[in-house]
Amino acid sequence: MNSLRIMSKCRPFGLRGCSSNQVLRRFETTVVSKSPGAKKIPLAIERELPEPVSKTSRNVTFGVLGLSLWVVGTALAFNHHRLHTSVVDSTLFTLRHDPDVQEILGNNIKFRDNWAWISGDVNHLKGRVNVSFWIKGDKDTGRAHFASRRRGDDWEVLDFSLTTERGKIPLKGEPVFE
């Protein structure tokens, strides 16, 4: 077993008259071996104690970093959910096969970026869909927008359009949802 006694080199009942740099602590440790007949070896270490370091700035930095990662991760998870909904799939399918869109954007219509960002809201329970995303073709790029609201059992299309450098083009076709 180890026993540890801390003794101060300053006055025995407190640190009166000693500054923090003058205070030295002496650790006297007696090491006992596990074998019954072994000798006890005294060990004395004399050194200044380190100044206490405030960890507030480190904790705040890690807190801000952790919160930022949580917010970014949540945003990416929600975007991934919107990206793989039937609304976005059907809208992109309709845009790919619309002759007006093919004339403006060209063939090979797909998301503009490898990992598309879907802006807006897809809420089937409340009966609201309002999404927009960037698409590109062989000729040009544009921003597709689809908005719909549920009225009873049927969905009413409020806006289905494509915005390019030429302006906003309303589309006639309606996405078919499965």
N, C-alpha and C. Protein backbone atom coordinates (compact mmCIF):
# COMPACT_ATOMS: atom_id res chain seq x y z
N MET A 1 0.83 -1.18 0.00
CA MET A 1 0.00 0.00 0.00
C MET A 1 0.87 1.24 0.00
N ASN A 2 0.37 2.31 -0.56
CA ASN A 2 1.07 3.58 -0.58
C ASN A 2 0.40 4.52 0.39
N SER A 3 1.20 5.23 1.15
CA SER A 3 0.63 6.28 1.99
C SER A 3 1.22 7.59 1.54
N LEU A 4 0.42 8.65 1.53
CA LEU A 4 0.83 9.93 0.99
C LEU A 4 0.56 11.01 2.01
N ARG A 5 1.59 11.71 2.40
CA ARG A 5 1.43 12.82 3.32
C ARG A 5 1.96 14.08 2.66
N ILE A 6 1.17 15.13 2.71
CA ILE A 6 1.57 16.40 2.13
C ILE A 6 1.97 17.33 3.27
N MET A 7 3.17 17.84 3.18
CA MET A 7 3.65 18.74 4.21
C MET A 7 4.07 20.04 3.56
N SER A 8 3.74 21.15 4.15
CA SER A 8 4.08 22.45 3.62
C SER A 8 5.37 22.93 4.27
N LYS A 9 6.22 23.63 3.49
CA LYS A 9 7.43 24.19 4.05
C LYS A 9 7.16 25.53 4.71
N CYS A 10 5.97 26.09 4.53
CA CYS A 10 5.60 27.33 5.19
C CYS A 10 5.13 26.99 6.60
N ARG A 11 4.59 27.96 7.25
CA ARG A 11 4.16 27.77 8.63
C ARG A 11 3.20 26.60 8.74
N PRO A 12 3.22 25.92 9.86
CA PRO A 12 2.45 24.68 9.97
C PRO A 12 0.95 24.87 9.91
N PHE A 13 0.38 26.00 10.25
CA PHE A 13 -1.08 26.17 10.26
C PHE A 13 -1.52 27.16 9.21
N GLY A 14 -1.11 27.02 8.00
CA GLY A 14 -1.57 27.89 6.93
C GLY A 14 -0.41 28.37 6.09
N LEU A 15 -0.73 29.24 5.14
CA LEU A 15 0.27 29.72 4.20
C LEU A 15 0.54 31.20 4.41
N ARG A 16 0.36 31.71 5.61
CA ARG A 16 0.58 33.14 5.85
C ARG A 16 2.03 33.50 5.57
N GLY A 17 2.22 34.57 4.82
CA GLY A 17 3.57 35.06 4.55
C GLY A 17 4.24 34.40 3.37
N CYS A 18 3.62 33.48 2.70
CA CYS A 18 4.22 32.81 1.54
C CYS A 18 3.46 33.20 0.29
N SER A 19 4.20 33.52 -0.77
CA SER A 19 3.52 33.77 -2.04
C SER A 19 3.34 32.42 -2.77
N SER A 20 2.53 32.45 -3.85
CA SER A 20 2.24 31.19 -4.54
C SER A 20 3.48 30.58 -5.17
N ASN A 21 4.46 31.42 -5.55
CA ASN A 21 5.68 30.89 -6.15
C ASN A 21 6.62 30.30 -5.10
N GLN A 22 6.47 30.73 -3.86
CA GLN A 22 7.36 30.26 -2.81
C GLN A 22 6.88 28.95 -2.19
N VAL A 23 5.62 28.63 -2.41
CA VAL A 23 5.07 27.45 -1.76
C VAL A 23 5.61 26.20 -2.44
N LEU A 24 6.29 25.41 -1.69
CA LEU A 24 6.78 24.14 -2.19
C LEU A 24 6.10 23.04 -1.40
N ARG A 25 5.73 22.03 -2.07
CA ARG A 25 5.10 20.90 -1.41
C ARG A 25 6.10 19.75 -1.38
N ARG A 26 6.08 19.04 -0.30
CA ARG A 26 6.96 17.89 -0.18
C ARG A 26 6.09 16.65 -0.06
N PHE A 27 6.29 15.73 -0.96
CA PHE A 27 5.53 14.50 -0.94
C PHE A 27 6.42 13.41 -0.38
N GLU A 28 6.02 12.85 0.72
CA GLU A 28 6.75 11.73 1.27
C GLU A 28 5.93 10.48 1.05
N THR A 29 6.45 9.58 0.28
CA THR A 29 5.72 8.37 -0.05
C THR A 29 6.51 7.18 0.45
N THR A 30 5.81 6.30 1.07
CA THR A 30 6.44 5.07 1.50
C THR A 30 5.90 3.96 0.62
N VAL A 31 6.79 3.31 -0.09
CA VAL A 31 6.38 2.24 -1.00
C VAL A 31 6.55 0.92 -0.27
N VAL A 32 5.49 0.18 -0.25
CA VAL A 32 5.51 -1.12 0.40
C VAL A 32 5.47 -2.17 -0.68
N SER A 33 6.39 -3.08 -0.65
CA SER A 33 6.41 -4.15 -1.63
C SER A 33 5.35 -5.17 -1.27
N LYS A 34 4.98 -5.97 -2.23
CA LYS A 34 3.93 -6.96 -2.00
C LYS A 34 4.44 -8.16 -1.21
N SER A 35 5.73 -8.38 -1.22
CA SER A 35 6.24 -9.51 -0.45
C SER A 35 6.32 -9.10 1.03
N PRO A 36 6.04 -10.02 1.95
CA PRO A 36 5.93 -9.67 3.36
C PRO A 36 7.23 -9.19 4.00
N GLY A 37 8.38 -9.66 3.60
CA GLY A 37 9.62 -9.28 4.27
C GLY A 37 10.37 -8.15 3.59
N ALA A 38 9.80 -7.49 2.61
CA ALA A 38 10.50 -6.46 1.84
C ALA A 38 10.64 -5.18 2.65
N LYS A 39 11.69 -4.40 2.31
CA LYS A 39 11.94 -3.14 3.00
C LYS A 39 11.02 -2.05 2.46
N LYS A 40 10.73 -1.07 3.30
CA LYS A 40 9.99 0.11 2.87
C LYS A 40 10.98 1.12 2.34
N ILE A 41 10.70 1.68 1.18
CA ILE A 41 11.62 2.62 0.53
C ILE A 41 10.98 4.00 0.58
N PRO A 42 11.58 4.95 1.34
CA PRO A 42 11.02 6.31 1.36
C PRO A 42 11.37 7.04 0.07
N LEU A 43 10.46 7.90 -0.37
CA LEU A 43 10.65 8.65 -1.61
C LEU A 43 10.20 10.07 -1.36
N ALA A 44 11.03 11.04 -1.60
CA ALA A 44 10.69 12.45 -1.40
C ALA A 44 10.86 13.19 -2.72
N ILE A 45 9.85 13.97 -3.09
CA ILE A 45 9.88 14.77 -4.31
C ILE A 45 9.61 16.21 -3.91
N GLU A 46 10.54 17.09 -4.25
CA GLU A 46 10.35 18.50 -3.95
C GLU A 46 10.30 19.26 -5.27
N ARG A 47 9.20 19.98 -5.50
CA ARG A 47 9.05 20.81 -6.70
C ARG A 47 7.90 21.77 -6.49
N GLU A 48 7.84 22.78 -7.35
CA GLU A 48 6.74 23.73 -7.29
C GLU A 48 5.51 23.11 -7.91
N LEU A 49 4.38 23.42 -7.35
CA LEU A 49 3.13 22.96 -7.94
C LEU A 49 2.80 23.80 -9.15
N PRO A 50 2.23 23.23 -10.19
CA PRO A 50 1.89 24.03 -11.37
C PRO A 50 0.73 24.98 -11.07
N GLU A 51 0.73 26.09 -11.78
CA GLU A 51 -0.36 27.06 -11.63
C GLU A 51 -1.63 26.44 -12.22
N PRO A 52 -2.76 26.66 -11.58
CA PRO A 52 -4.01 26.12 -12.15
C PRO A 52 -4.35 26.83 -13.46
N VAL A 53 -4.76 26.04 -14.45
CA VAL A 53 -5.07 26.56 -15.78
C VAL A 53 -6.58 26.53 -15.96
N SER A 54 -7.12 27.64 -16.44
CA SER A 54 -8.55 27.69 -16.70
C SER A 54 -8.86 26.94 -17.99
N LYS A 55 -9.84 26.07 -17.95
CA LYS A 55 -10.23 25.29 -19.13
C LYS A 55 -11.51 25.82 -19.76
N THR A 56 -11.91 27.04 -19.38
CA THR A 56 -13.17 27.59 -19.89
C THR A 56 -13.12 27.81 -21.39
N SER A 57 -12.03 28.42 -21.89
CA SER A 57 -11.97 28.70 -23.33
C SER A 57 -11.94 27.40 -24.14
N ARG A 58 -11.25 26.39 -23.64
CA ARG A 58 -11.22 25.11 -24.34
C ARG A 58 -12.60 24.47 -24.35
N ASN A 59 -13.28 24.51 -23.21
CA ASN A 59 -14.62 23.93 -23.13
C ASN A 59 -15.61 24.67 -24.03
N VAL A 60 -15.51 26.00 -24.10
CA VAL A 60 -16.39 26.78 -24.98
C VAL A 60 -16.11 26.44 -26.43
N THR A 61 -14.84 26.32 -26.78
CA THR A 61 -14.47 25.97 -28.16
C THR A 61 -15.02 24.61 -28.56
N PHE A 62 -14.83 23.62 -27.69
CA PHE A 62 -15.35 22.29 -27.99
C PHE A 62 -16.88 22.29 -28.01
N GLY A 63 -17.51 23.08 -27.17
CA GLY A 63 -18.97 23.17 -27.16
C GLY A 63 -19.51 23.76 -28.45
N VAL A 64 -18.88 24.85 -28.91
CA VAL A 64 -19.31 25.48 -30.17
C VAL A 64 -19.06 24.54 -31.34
N LEU A 65 -17.90 23.88 -31.34
CA LEU A 65 -17.59 22.93 -32.41
C LEU A 65 -18.58 21.77 -32.41
N GLY A 66 -18.89 21.22 -31.25
CA GLY A 66 -19.84 20.12 -31.17
C GLY A 66 -21.24 20.53 -31.61
N LEU A 67 -21.68 21.71 -31.18
CA LEU A 67 -23.00 22.20 -31.59
C LEU A 67 -23.05 22.45 -33.10
N SER A 68 -21.97 22.99 -33.66
CA SER A 68 -21.92 23.22 -35.11
C SER A 68 -22.00 21.91 -35.88
N LEU A 69 -21.26 20.91 -35.44
CA LEU A 69 -21.32 19.61 -36.10
C LEU A 69 -22.70 18.99 -36.00
N TRP A 70 -23.35 19.17 -34.86
CA TRP A 70 -24.70 18.63 -34.69
C TRP A 70 -25.68 19.33 -35.63
N VAL A 71 -25.59 20.65 -35.76
CA VAL A 71 -26.49 21.39 -36.65
C VAL A 71 -26.25 21.00 -38.11
N VAL A 72 -24.99 20.93 -38.52
CA VAL A 72 -24.68 20.54 -39.90
C VAL A 72 -25.15 19.12 -40.18
N GLY A 73 -24.92 18.21 -39.26
CA GLY A 73 -25.37 16.83 -39.44
C GLY A 73 -26.88 16.71 -39.54
N THR A 74 -27.58 17.48 -38.73
CA THR A 74 -29.05 17.46 -38.79
C THR A 74 -29.55 18.02 -40.12
N ALA A 75 -28.94 19.12 -40.57
CA ALA A 75 -29.34 19.70 -41.86
C ALA A 75 -29.09 18.73 -43.01
N LEU A 76 -27.95 18.05 -42.98
CA LEU A 76 -27.65 17.07 -44.03
C LEU A 76 -28.62 15.88 -43.98
N ALA A 77 -29.00 15.47 -42.78
CA ALA A 77 -29.95 14.35 -42.66
C ALA A 77 -31.32 14.74 -43.22
N PHE A 78 -31.78 15.94 -42.91
CA PHE A 78 -33.08 16.37 -43.44
C PHE A 78 -33.03 16.53 -44.95
N ASN A 79 -31.91 17.06 -45.49
CA ASN A 79 -31.79 17.19 -46.93
C ASN A 79 -31.77 15.82 -47.60
N HIS A 80 -31.10 14.86 -46.99
CA HIS A 80 -31.08 13.51 -47.54
C HIS A 80 -32.49 12.92 -47.59
N HIS A 81 -33.27 13.20 -46.56
CA HIS A 81 -34.65 12.71 -46.54
C HIS A 81 -35.47 13.36 -47.66
N ARG A 82 -35.33 14.68 -47.84
CA ARG A 82 -36.07 15.36 -48.92
C ARG A 82 -35.61 14.89 -50.29
N LEU A 83 -34.31 14.60 -50.43
CA LEU A 83 -33.76 14.19 -51.71
C LEU A 83 -34.35 12.87 -52.20
N HIS A 84 -34.70 11.99 -51.27
CA HIS A 84 -35.18 10.66 -51.64
C HIS A 84 -36.68 10.49 -51.44
N THR A 85 -37.44 11.58 -51.50
CA THR A 85 -38.89 11.47 -51.43
C THR A 85 -39.46 11.25 -52.83
N SER A 86 -40.68 10.74 -52.86
CA SER A 86 -41.34 10.51 -54.15
C SER A 86 -41.63 11.83 -54.86
N VAL A 87 -41.80 12.91 -54.11
CA VAL A 87 -42.09 14.22 -54.72
C VAL A 87 -40.91 14.67 -55.57
N VAL A 88 -39.70 14.60 -55.05
CA VAL A 88 -38.53 15.04 -55.79
C VAL A 88 -38.25 14.09 -56.96
N ASP A 89 -38.39 12.79 -56.73
CA ASP A 89 -38.18 11.82 -57.81
C ASP A 89 -39.17 12.05 -58.96
N SER A 90 -40.44 12.24 -58.62
CA SER A 90 -41.46 12.44 -59.65
C SER A 90 -41.28 13.77 -60.38
N THR A 91 -40.88 14.81 -59.64
CA THR A 91 -40.65 16.11 -60.27
C THR A 91 -39.49 16.04 -61.24
N LEU A 92 -38.41 15.40 -60.84
CA LEU A 92 -37.25 15.26 -61.73
C LEU A 92 -37.60 14.38 -62.93
N PHE A 93 -38.38 13.33 -62.74
CA PHE A 93 -38.82 12.48 -63.86
C PHE A 93 -39.65 13.30 -64.86
N THR A 94 -40.56 14.11 -64.34
CA THR A 94 -41.39 14.94 -65.21
C THR A 94 -40.55 15.96 -65.96
N LEU A 95 -39.57 16.56 -65.29
CA LEU A 95 -38.70 17.52 -65.96
C LEU A 95 -37.86 16.87 -67.05
N ARG A 96 -37.42 15.64 -66.82
CA ARG A 96 -36.61 14.94 -67.83
C ARG A 96 -37.40 14.65 -69.10
N HIS A 97 -38.72 14.44 -68.96
CA HIS A 97 -39.52 14.04 -70.11
C HIS A 97 -40.39 15.15 -70.65
N ASP A 98 -40.25 16.36 -70.15
CA ASP A 98 -41.03 17.50 -70.64
C ASP A 98 -40.33 18.08 -71.87
N PRO A 99 -41.03 18.19 -73.02
CA PRO A 99 -40.39 18.69 -74.23
C PRO A 99 -39.93 20.14 -74.11
N ASP A 100 -40.67 20.97 -73.36
CA ASP A 100 -40.26 22.37 -73.19
C ASP A 100 -38.94 22.46 -72.41
N VAL A 101 -38.81 21.65 -71.40
CA VAL A 101 -37.59 21.65 -70.60
C VAL A 101 -36.43 21.09 -71.42
N GLN A 102 -36.67 20.06 -72.20
CA GLN A 102 -35.61 19.49 -73.04
C GLN A 102 -35.15 20.50 -74.08
N GLU A 103 -36.07 21.32 -74.58
CA GLU A 103 -35.70 22.34 -75.57
C GLU A 103 -34.81 23.42 -74.93
N ILE A 104 -35.10 23.76 -73.66
CA ILE A 104 -34.34 24.83 -72.98
C ILE A 104 -33.03 24.31 -72.42
N LEU A 105 -33.08 23.18 -71.70
CA LEU A 105 -31.89 22.68 -71.02
C LEU A 105 -31.10 21.66 -71.83
N GLY A 106 -31.72 21.05 -72.79
CA GLY A 106 -31.07 20.00 -73.57
C GLY A 106 -31.38 18.63 -72.97
N ASN A 107 -30.73 17.62 -73.49
CA ASN A 107 -30.94 16.26 -73.00
C ASN A 107 -30.07 16.01 -71.77
N ASN A 108 -30.19 14.80 -71.23
CA ASN A 108 -29.41 14.39 -70.07
C ASN A 108 -29.65 15.32 -68.87
N ILE A 109 -30.90 15.51 -68.51
CA ILE A 109 -31.28 16.39 -67.40
C ILE A 109 -31.11 15.63 -66.09
N LYS A 110 -30.37 16.26 -65.17
CA LYS A 110 -30.12 15.66 -63.86
C LYS A 110 -29.85 16.78 -62.87
N PHE A 111 -29.59 16.41 -61.61
CA PHE A 111 -29.25 17.41 -60.61
C PHE A 111 -27.96 18.10 -61.03
N ARG A 112 -27.87 19.39 -60.72
CA ARG A 112 -26.68 20.15 -61.11
C ARG A 112 -25.43 19.66 -60.37
N ASP A 113 -25.58 19.39 -59.10
CA ASP A 113 -24.44 18.97 -58.28
C ASP A 113 -24.51 17.46 -58.05
N ASN A 114 -23.39 16.88 -57.68
CA ASN A 114 -23.38 15.45 -57.38
C ASN A 114 -24.24 15.13 -56.18
N TRP A 115 -24.23 16.01 -55.21
CA TRP A 115 -25.07 15.83 -54.03
C TRP A 115 -25.98 17.05 -53.95
N ALA A 116 -27.18 16.92 -54.45
CA ALA A 116 -28.08 18.07 -54.61
C ALA A 116 -28.61 18.56 -53.28
N TRP A 117 -28.78 19.87 -53.18
CA TRP A 117 -29.41 20.47 -52.01
C TRP A 117 -30.85 20.80 -52.38
N ILE A 118 -31.79 20.21 -51.64
CA ILE A 118 -33.21 20.42 -51.88
C ILE A 118 -33.69 21.46 -50.88
N SER A 119 -34.09 22.62 -51.38
CA SER A 119 -34.62 23.67 -50.51
C SER A 119 -36.11 23.51 -50.38
N GLY A 120 -36.64 23.82 -49.22
CA GLY A 120 -38.08 23.80 -49.05
C GLY A 120 -38.54 22.77 -48.05
N ASP A 121 -39.79 22.35 -48.24
CA ASP A 121 -40.47 21.54 -47.24
C ASP A 121 -41.29 20.45 -47.93
N VAL A 122 -41.19 19.23 -47.43
CA VAL A 122 -42.04 18.13 -47.87
C VAL A 122 -42.74 17.61 -46.63
N ASN A 123 -44.02 17.93 -46.49
CA ASN A 123 -44.78 17.53 -45.31
C ASN A 123 -46.08 16.90 -45.77
N HIS A 124 -46.07 15.59 -45.90
CA HIS A 124 -47.26 14.87 -46.37
C HIS A 124 -48.38 14.91 -45.35
N LEU A 125 -48.05 14.87 -44.07
CA LEU A 125 -49.08 14.85 -43.03
C LEU A 125 -49.90 16.14 -43.00
N LYS A 126 -49.23 17.26 -43.17
CA LYS A 126 -49.94 18.54 -43.17
C LYS A 126 -50.45 18.92 -44.55
N GLY A 127 -50.07 18.16 -45.56
CA GLY A 127 -50.57 18.42 -46.91
C GLY A 127 -49.87 19.58 -47.58
N ARG A 128 -48.57 19.74 -47.34
CA ARG A 128 -47.82 20.83 -47.96
C ARG A 128 -46.55 20.29 -48.60
N VAL A 129 -46.30 20.71 -49.82
CA VAL A 129 -45.06 20.41 -50.51
C VAL A 129 -44.61 21.69 -51.18
N ASN A 130 -43.36 22.08 -50.93
CA ASN A 130 -42.80 23.27 -51.55
C ASN A 130 -41.30 23.04 -51.66
N VAL A 131 -40.84 22.53 -52.79
CA VAL A 131 -39.43 22.22 -52.98
C VAL A 131 -38.88 22.92 -54.20
N SER A 132 -37.58 23.19 -54.15
CA SER A 132 -36.89 23.73 -55.32
C SER A 132 -35.46 23.20 -55.29
N PHE A 133 -34.90 22.99 -56.48
CA PHE A 133 -33.55 22.45 -56.59
C PHE A 133 -32.99 22.81 -57.96
N TRP A 134 -31.67 22.78 -58.05
CA TRP A 134 -30.98 23.10 -59.30
C TRP A 134 -30.84 21.85 -60.16
N ILE A 135 -31.10 22.02 -61.47
CA ILE A 135 -30.91 20.94 -62.43
C ILE A 135 -30.07 21.46 -63.59
N LYS A 136 -29.50 20.53 -64.34
CA LYS A 136 -28.72 20.93 -65.50
C LYS A 136 -28.99 19.95 -66.63
N GLY A 137 -28.79 20.44 -67.83
CA GLY A 137 -28.88 19.62 -69.04
C GLY A 137 -27.62 19.82 -69.85
N ASP A 138 -27.67 19.40 -71.10
CA ASP A 138 -26.50 19.57 -71.97
C ASP A 138 -26.28 21.02 -72.36
N LYS A 139 -27.35 21.82 -72.40
CA LYS A 139 -27.24 23.20 -72.86
C LYS A 139 -27.16 24.23 -71.74
N ASP A 140 -27.96 24.07 -70.69
CA ASP A 140 -28.10 25.14 -69.70
C ASP A 140 -28.44 24.55 -68.33
N THR A 141 -28.49 25.42 -67.33
CA THR A 141 -28.91 25.03 -65.98
C THR A 141 -30.11 25.87 -65.59
N GLY A 142 -30.85 25.38 -64.60
CA GLY A 142 -32.01 26.12 -64.12
C GLY A 142 -32.44 25.62 -62.75
N ARG A 143 -33.34 26.37 -62.14
CA ARG A 143 -33.85 26.01 -60.82
C ARG A 143 -35.31 25.59 -60.97
N ALA A 144 -35.58 24.34 -60.60
CA ALA A 144 -36.93 23.81 -60.67
C ALA A 144 -37.64 24.08 -59.35
N HIS A 145 -38.92 24.44 -59.45
CA HIS A 145 -39.72 24.72 -58.25
C HIS A 145 -41.05 23.99 -58.39
N PHE A 146 -41.43 23.31 -57.30
CA PHE A 146 -42.71 22.61 -57.28
C PHE A 146 -43.38 22.89 -55.93
N ALA A 147 -44.63 23.37 -56.01
CA ALA A 147 -45.41 23.64 -54.80
C ALA A 147 -46.80 23.03 -54.98
N SER A 148 -47.27 22.37 -53.93
CA SER A 148 -48.57 21.71 -53.99
C SER A 148 -49.19 21.69 -52.60
N ARG A 149 -50.51 21.63 -52.59
CA ARG A 149 -51.25 21.57 -51.32
C ARG A 149 -52.36 20.53 -51.45
N ARG A 150 -52.60 19.80 -50.37
CA ARG A 150 -53.65 18.79 -50.38
C ARG A 150 -54.99 19.43 -50.02
N ARG A 151 -55.98 19.17 -50.86
CA ARG A 151 -57.35 19.61 -50.62
C ARG A 151 -58.21 18.35 -50.54
N GLY A 152 -58.54 17.95 -49.33
CA GLY A 152 -59.30 16.70 -49.16
C GLY A 152 -58.40 15.52 -49.48
N ASP A 153 -58.80 14.74 -50.49
CA ASP A 153 -58.00 13.59 -50.90
C ASP A 153 -57.10 13.90 -52.09
N ASP A 154 -57.31 15.03 -52.75
CA ASP A 154 -56.56 15.37 -53.96
C ASP A 154 -55.51 16.43 -53.66
N TRP A 155 -54.45 16.38 -54.46
CA TRP A 155 -53.39 17.37 -54.35
C TRP A 155 -53.58 18.41 -55.45
N GLU A 156 -53.48 19.67 -55.08
CA GLU A 156 -53.62 20.78 -56.02
C GLU A 156 -52.24 21.38 -56.25
N VAL A 157 -51.81 21.44 -57.51
CA VAL A 157 -50.51 22.01 -57.84
C VAL A 157 -50.63 23.53 -57.85
N LEU A 158 -49.85 24.17 -57.00
CA LEU A 158 -49.86 25.63 -56.92
C LEU A 158 -48.84 26.25 -57.87
N ASP A 159 -47.65 25.64 -57.98
CA ASP A 159 -46.62 26.19 -58.85
C ASP A 159 -45.71 25.05 -59.30
N PHE A 160 -45.51 24.96 -60.59
CA PHE A 160 -44.56 24.02 -61.16
C PHE A 160 -43.86 24.79 -62.26
N SER A 161 -42.60 25.21 -62.00
CA SER A 161 -41.93 26.10 -62.94
C SER A 161 -40.44 25.80 -62.99
N LEU A 162 -39.81 26.36 -64.00
CA LEU A 162 -38.38 26.27 -64.20
C LEU A 162 -37.85 27.68 -64.40
N THR A 163 -36.88 28.09 -63.61
CA THR A 163 -36.31 29.43 -63.71
C THR A 163 -34.90 29.31 -64.27
N THR A 164 -34.67 29.98 -65.40
CA THR A 164 -33.35 30.01 -66.03
C THR A 164 -32.95 31.46 -66.23
N GLU A 165 -31.86 31.66 -66.98
CA GLU A 165 -31.44 33.03 -67.30
C GLU A 165 -32.48 33.74 -68.16
N ARG A 166 -33.25 33.00 -68.90
CA ARG A 166 -34.29 33.58 -69.76
C ARG A 166 -35.50 34.05 -68.96
N GLY A 167 -35.62 33.56 -67.73
CA GLY A 167 -36.76 33.94 -66.90
C GLY A 167 -37.48 32.71 -66.37
N LYS A 168 -38.64 32.96 -65.79
CA LYS A 168 -39.43 31.88 -65.20
C LYS A 168 -40.37 31.31 -66.24
N ILE A 169 -40.32 29.98 -66.40
CA ILE A 169 -41.14 29.30 -67.40
C ILE A 169 -42.10 28.39 -66.66
N PRO A 170 -43.40 28.65 -66.73
CA PRO A 170 -44.36 27.72 -66.11
C PRO A 170 -44.46 26.43 -66.91
N LEU A 171 -44.54 25.32 -66.20
CA LEU A 171 -44.61 24.01 -66.86
C LEU A 171 -46.03 23.49 -66.79
N LYS A 172 -46.43 22.79 -67.84
CA LYS A 172 -47.81 22.31 -67.95
C LYS A 172 -48.00 20.95 -67.30
N GLY A 173 -47.00 20.10 -67.39
CA GLY A 173 -47.13 18.74 -66.86
C GLY A 173 -47.14 18.74 -65.34
N GLU A 174 -47.80 17.74 -64.79
CA GLU A 174 -47.82 17.58 -63.34
C GLU A 174 -47.10 16.28 -62.99
N PRO A 175 -46.27 16.32 -61.98
CA PRO A 175 -45.60 15.07 -61.57
C PRO A 175 -46.62 14.04 -61.10
N VAL A 176 -46.37 12.79 -61.44
CA VAL A 176 -47.24 11.71 -61.02
C VAL A 176 -46.63 11.04 -59.81
N PHE A 177 -47.35 11.05 -58.70
CA PHE A 177 -46.84 10.48 -57.46
C PHE A 177 -47.31 9.05 -57.33
N GLU A 178 -46.42 8.22 -56.82
CA GLU A 178 -46.77 6.82 -56.61
C GLU A 178 -47.05 6.55 -55.16
